[in-house]
Amino acid sequence: MNNKVHEKGYRNAPLTQQQKESNTIKSKTRAKVEHIFGFMEQSMNGLVVKSVGIVRATGIIGLMNLTYNLFRYEQVVRLNIISVN
C-alpha cells in the first residue's frame, strides 16, 4: 500500500526538493478525483445514498456517475476541448 498523504514541513526542518516533488505528484492525482466528488456534492445534492440493499445502492451510484459523465461531456463539447463530428 502506497502512502498518499502529503508530507509537511516544520519550522526548522523545511521540505526537501524530493518531498516537494512527491507532494506535487500526489496533488495531481488528488485534484482529478476531488473535482469529481466536489461536483457531485455541490450540484447533485451530496453523495449520501439512502437505499436498502447493495444492488439498489450500486445502481444509484452508477446513475450518479452516468449523470456526472453527461455533464462533463456537455462541458467539454461547449468549451471546444474536443471536436465532435
N, C-alpha and C. Protein backbone atom coordinates (compact mmCIF):
# COMPACT_ATOMS: atom_id res chain seq x y z
N MET A 1 0.84 -1.17 0.00
CA MET A 1 0.00 0.00 0.00
C MET A 1 0.89 1.24 0.00
N ASN A 2 0.58 2.18 -0.90
CA ASN A 2 1.39 3.39 -1.00
C ASN A 2 0.78 4.51 -0.17
N ASN A 3 1.64 5.26 0.49
CA ASN A 3 1.20 6.40 1.28
C ASN A 3 0.87 7.56 0.35
N LYS A 4 -0.36 8.08 0.42
CA LYS A 4 -0.79 9.19 -0.44
C LYS A 4 -1.02 10.47 0.35
N VAL A 5 -0.51 10.54 1.58
CA VAL A 5 -0.66 11.71 2.42
C VAL A 5 0.52 12.64 2.17
N HIS A 6 0.24 13.93 2.05
CA HIS A 6 1.31 14.91 1.83
C HIS A 6 2.23 14.99 3.04
N GLU A 7 3.50 15.23 2.74
CA GLU A 7 4.46 15.44 3.81
C GLU A 7 4.43 16.91 4.20
N LYS A 8 4.75 17.18 5.45
CA LYS A 8 4.63 18.53 5.98
C LYS A 8 5.99 19.03 6.43
N GLY A 9 6.28 20.26 6.11
CA GLY A 9 7.50 20.88 6.60
C GLY A 9 7.26 21.52 7.96
N TYR A 10 8.32 21.66 8.71
CA TYR A 10 8.23 22.27 10.03
C TYR A 10 9.16 23.47 10.09
N ARG A 11 9.09 24.21 11.19
CA ARG A 11 9.81 25.48 11.30
C ARG A 11 11.30 25.33 11.01
N ASN A 12 11.96 24.39 11.65
CA ASN A 12 13.41 24.24 11.47
C ASN A 12 13.77 23.05 10.58
N ALA A 13 12.77 22.47 9.93
CA ALA A 13 13.01 21.33 9.05
C ALA A 13 12.12 21.45 7.82
N PRO A 14 12.48 22.35 6.88
CA PRO A 14 11.63 22.51 5.68
C PRO A 14 11.68 21.26 4.81
N LEU A 15 10.73 21.18 3.88
CA LEU A 15 10.68 20.04 2.97
C LEU A 15 11.88 20.05 2.03
N THR A 16 12.37 18.85 1.72
CA THR A 16 13.43 18.73 0.73
C THR A 16 12.81 18.85 -0.67
N GLN A 17 13.62 19.00 -1.67
CA GLN A 17 13.12 19.10 -3.04
C GLN A 17 12.40 17.82 -3.44
N GLN A 18 12.91 16.67 -3.02
CA GLN A 18 12.28 15.38 -3.33
C GLN A 18 10.90 15.29 -2.69
N GLN A 19 10.75 15.77 -1.45
CA GLN A 19 9.45 15.77 -0.78
C GLN A 19 8.47 16.69 -1.49
N LYS A 20 8.95 17.85 -1.96
CA LYS A 20 8.08 18.77 -2.69
C LYS A 20 7.59 18.14 -3.99
N GLU A 21 8.48 17.46 -4.70
CA GLU A 21 8.09 16.79 -5.94
C GLU A 21 7.10 15.66 -5.66
N SER A 22 7.30 14.94 -4.57
CA SER A 22 6.38 13.88 -4.19
C SER A 22 4.99 14.45 -3.90
N ASN A 23 4.94 15.57 -3.19
CA ASN A 23 3.67 16.22 -2.89
C ASN A 23 2.97 16.70 -4.16
N THR A 24 3.75 17.18 -5.13
CA THR A 24 3.18 17.64 -6.40
C THR A 24 2.53 16.50 -7.15
N ILE A 25 3.19 15.36 -7.20
CA ILE A 25 2.62 14.19 -7.88
C ILE A 25 1.34 13.75 -7.18
N LYS A 26 1.35 13.73 -5.86
CA LYS A 26 0.15 13.35 -5.10
C LYS A 26 -0.98 14.34 -5.34
N SER A 27 -0.66 15.62 -5.47
CA SER A 27 -1.68 16.65 -5.68
C SER A 27 -2.35 16.50 -7.03
N LYS A 28 -1.59 16.13 -8.06
CA LYS A 28 -2.17 15.98 -9.39
C LYS A 28 -3.22 14.87 -9.39
N THR A 29 -2.93 13.76 -8.75
CA THR A 29 -3.89 12.67 -8.67
C THR A 29 -5.09 13.08 -7.82
N ARG A 30 -4.84 13.69 -6.70
CA ARG A 30 -5.89 14.08 -5.77
C ARG A 30 -6.85 15.08 -6.41
N ALA A 31 -6.33 16.05 -7.16
CA ALA A 31 -7.17 17.08 -7.76
C ALA A 31 -8.15 16.48 -8.77
N LYS A 32 -7.69 15.52 -9.56
CA LYS A 32 -8.56 14.90 -10.55
C LYS A 32 -9.75 14.20 -9.88
N VAL A 33 -9.50 13.54 -8.78
CA VAL A 33 -10.56 12.81 -8.08
C VAL A 33 -11.45 13.77 -7.29
N GLU A 34 -10.86 14.73 -6.60
CA GLU A 34 -11.65 15.61 -5.74
C GLU A 34 -12.57 16.52 -6.52
N HIS A 35 -12.22 16.89 -7.75
CA HIS A 35 -13.11 17.72 -8.55
C HIS A 35 -14.41 16.98 -8.86
N ILE A 36 -14.30 15.70 -9.12
CA ILE A 36 -15.49 14.90 -9.41
C ILE A 36 -16.39 14.83 -8.19
N PHE A 37 -15.82 14.51 -7.03
CA PHE A 37 -16.63 14.42 -5.82
C PHE A 37 -17.16 15.78 -5.41
N GLY A 38 -16.40 16.84 -5.64
CA GLY A 38 -16.89 18.18 -5.34
C GLY A 38 -18.09 18.54 -6.19
N PHE A 39 -18.04 18.19 -7.47
CA PHE A 39 -19.18 18.44 -8.36
C PHE A 39 -20.41 17.69 -7.87
N MET A 40 -20.22 16.43 -7.51
CA MET A 40 -21.34 15.62 -7.04
C MET A 40 -21.92 16.18 -5.74
N GLU A 41 -21.07 16.65 -4.85
CA GLU A 41 -21.52 17.23 -3.58
C GLU A 41 -22.33 18.50 -3.82
N GLN A 42 -21.81 19.39 -4.66
CA GLN A 42 -22.42 20.71 -4.85
C GLN A 42 -23.62 20.66 -5.78
N SER A 43 -23.51 19.98 -6.90
CA SER A 43 -24.54 20.06 -7.93
C SER A 43 -25.59 18.96 -7.85
N MET A 44 -25.24 17.85 -7.22
CA MET A 44 -26.16 16.72 -7.20
C MET A 44 -26.66 16.43 -5.79
N ASN A 45 -26.63 17.43 -4.94
CA ASN A 45 -27.16 17.33 -3.57
C ASN A 45 -26.52 16.23 -2.74
N GLY A 46 -25.24 16.11 -2.85
CA GLY A 46 -24.50 15.23 -1.95
C GLY A 46 -24.29 13.83 -2.48
N LEU A 47 -23.54 13.06 -1.70
CA LEU A 47 -23.19 11.70 -2.07
C LEU A 47 -23.84 10.67 -1.18
N VAL A 48 -24.80 11.08 -0.37
CA VAL A 48 -25.45 10.15 0.54
C VAL A 48 -26.45 9.31 -0.25
N VAL A 49 -26.33 8.00 -0.14
CA VAL A 49 -27.23 7.08 -0.83
C VAL A 49 -28.06 6.39 0.24
N LYS A 50 -29.35 6.68 0.22
CA LYS A 50 -30.26 6.07 1.19
C LYS A 50 -31.10 5.04 0.46
N SER A 51 -30.69 3.81 0.54
CA SER A 51 -31.43 2.73 -0.11
C SER A 51 -31.24 1.46 0.71
N VAL A 52 -32.09 0.50 0.43
CA VAL A 52 -32.00 -0.79 1.09
C VAL A 52 -31.41 -1.78 0.10
N GLY A 53 -30.28 -2.35 0.45
CA GLY A 53 -29.67 -3.36 -0.40
C GLY A 53 -28.50 -2.83 -1.21
N ILE A 54 -27.51 -3.67 -1.36
CA ILE A 54 -26.30 -3.29 -2.08
C ILE A 54 -26.56 -3.17 -3.57
N VAL A 55 -27.48 -3.97 -4.10
CA VAL A 55 -27.77 -3.93 -5.53
C VAL A 55 -28.40 -2.59 -5.89
N ARG A 56 -29.36 -2.15 -5.10
CA ARG A 56 -30.01 -0.87 -5.38
C ARG A 56 -29.03 0.29 -5.19
N ALA A 57 -28.19 0.24 -4.15
CA ALA A 57 -27.21 1.30 -3.92
C ALA A 57 -26.21 1.36 -5.07
N THR A 58 -25.79 0.20 -5.58
CA THR A 58 -24.88 0.16 -6.71
C THR A 58 -25.51 0.79 -7.94
N GLY A 59 -26.78 0.53 -8.16
CA GLY A 59 -27.50 1.13 -9.29
C GLY A 59 -27.59 2.64 -9.17
N ILE A 60 -27.87 3.13 -7.97
CA ILE A 60 -27.97 4.58 -7.75
C ILE A 60 -26.62 5.25 -7.98
N ILE A 61 -25.56 4.65 -7.48
CA ILE A 61 -24.22 5.20 -7.68
C ILE A 61 -23.86 5.19 -9.16
N GLY A 62 -24.23 4.14 -9.87
CA GLY A 62 -23.98 4.07 -11.30
C GLY A 62 -24.70 5.19 -12.05
N LEU A 63 -25.93 5.48 -11.66
CA LEU A 63 -26.68 6.57 -12.29
C LEU A 63 -26.07 7.93 -11.97
N MET A 64 -25.56 8.09 -10.75
CA MET A 64 -24.88 9.34 -10.40
C MET A 64 -23.63 9.53 -11.26
N ASN A 65 -22.88 8.45 -11.45
CA ASN A 65 -21.67 8.52 -12.28
C ASN A 65 -22.02 8.83 -13.74
N LEU A 66 -23.09 8.22 -14.24
CA LEU A 66 -23.53 8.49 -15.60
C LEU A 66 -23.94 9.96 -15.75
N THR A 67 -24.65 10.48 -14.76
CA THR A 67 -25.06 11.89 -14.79
C THR A 67 -23.84 12.80 -14.81
N TYR A 68 -22.84 12.51 -13.99
CA TYR A 68 -21.62 13.31 -14.00
C TYR A 68 -20.96 13.27 -15.37
N ASN A 69 -20.88 12.08 -15.96
CA ASN A 69 -20.24 11.94 -17.27
C ASN A 69 -20.98 12.73 -18.33
N LEU A 70 -22.31 12.76 -18.27
CA LEU A 70 -23.08 13.55 -19.23
C LEU A 70 -22.83 15.04 -19.06
N PHE A 71 -22.80 15.51 -17.80
CA PHE A 71 -22.48 16.92 -17.54
C PHE A 71 -21.09 17.26 -18.05
N ARG A 72 -20.14 16.39 -17.79
CA ARG A 72 -18.76 16.64 -18.21
C ARG A 72 -18.64 16.64 -19.73
N TYR A 73 -19.32 15.71 -20.39
CA TYR A 73 -19.30 15.65 -21.85
C TYR A 73 -19.85 16.95 -22.44
N GLU A 74 -20.95 17.43 -21.89
CA GLU A 74 -21.55 18.68 -22.36
C GLU A 74 -20.57 19.83 -22.19
N GLN A 75 -19.87 19.87 -21.07
CA GLN A 75 -18.91 20.93 -20.81
C GLN A 75 -17.73 20.86 -21.78
N VAL A 76 -17.25 19.67 -22.03
CA VAL A 76 -16.12 19.50 -22.95
C VAL A 76 -16.51 19.95 -24.36
N VAL A 77 -17.71 19.59 -24.81
CA VAL A 77 -18.18 19.99 -26.14
C VAL A 77 -18.38 21.50 -26.18
N ARG A 78 -19.00 22.08 -25.15
CA ARG A 78 -19.29 23.51 -25.12
C ARG A 78 -18.00 24.33 -25.15
N LEU A 79 -16.97 23.88 -24.47
CA LEU A 79 -15.71 24.62 -24.41
C LEU A 79 -14.77 24.28 -25.56
N ASN A 80 -15.22 23.43 -26.48
CA ASN A 80 -14.43 23.03 -27.65
C ASN A 80 -13.11 22.39 -27.26
N ILE A 81 -13.11 21.62 -26.20
CA ILE A 81 -11.90 20.90 -25.80
C ILE A 81 -11.64 19.75 -26.78
N ILE A 82 -12.71 19.11 -27.22
CA ILE A 82 -12.61 18.10 -28.27
C ILE A 82 -13.64 18.45 -29.33
N SER A 83 -13.41 18.00 -30.53
CA SER A 83 -14.41 18.26 -31.57
C SER A 83 -15.27 17.02 -31.75
N VAL A 84 -16.56 17.24 -31.92
CA VAL A 84 -17.50 16.16 -32.12
C VAL A 84 -17.96 16.19 -33.56
N ASN A 85 -17.82 15.08 -34.24
CA ASN A 85 -18.21 15.03 -35.65
C ASN A 85 -19.58 14.42 -35.80
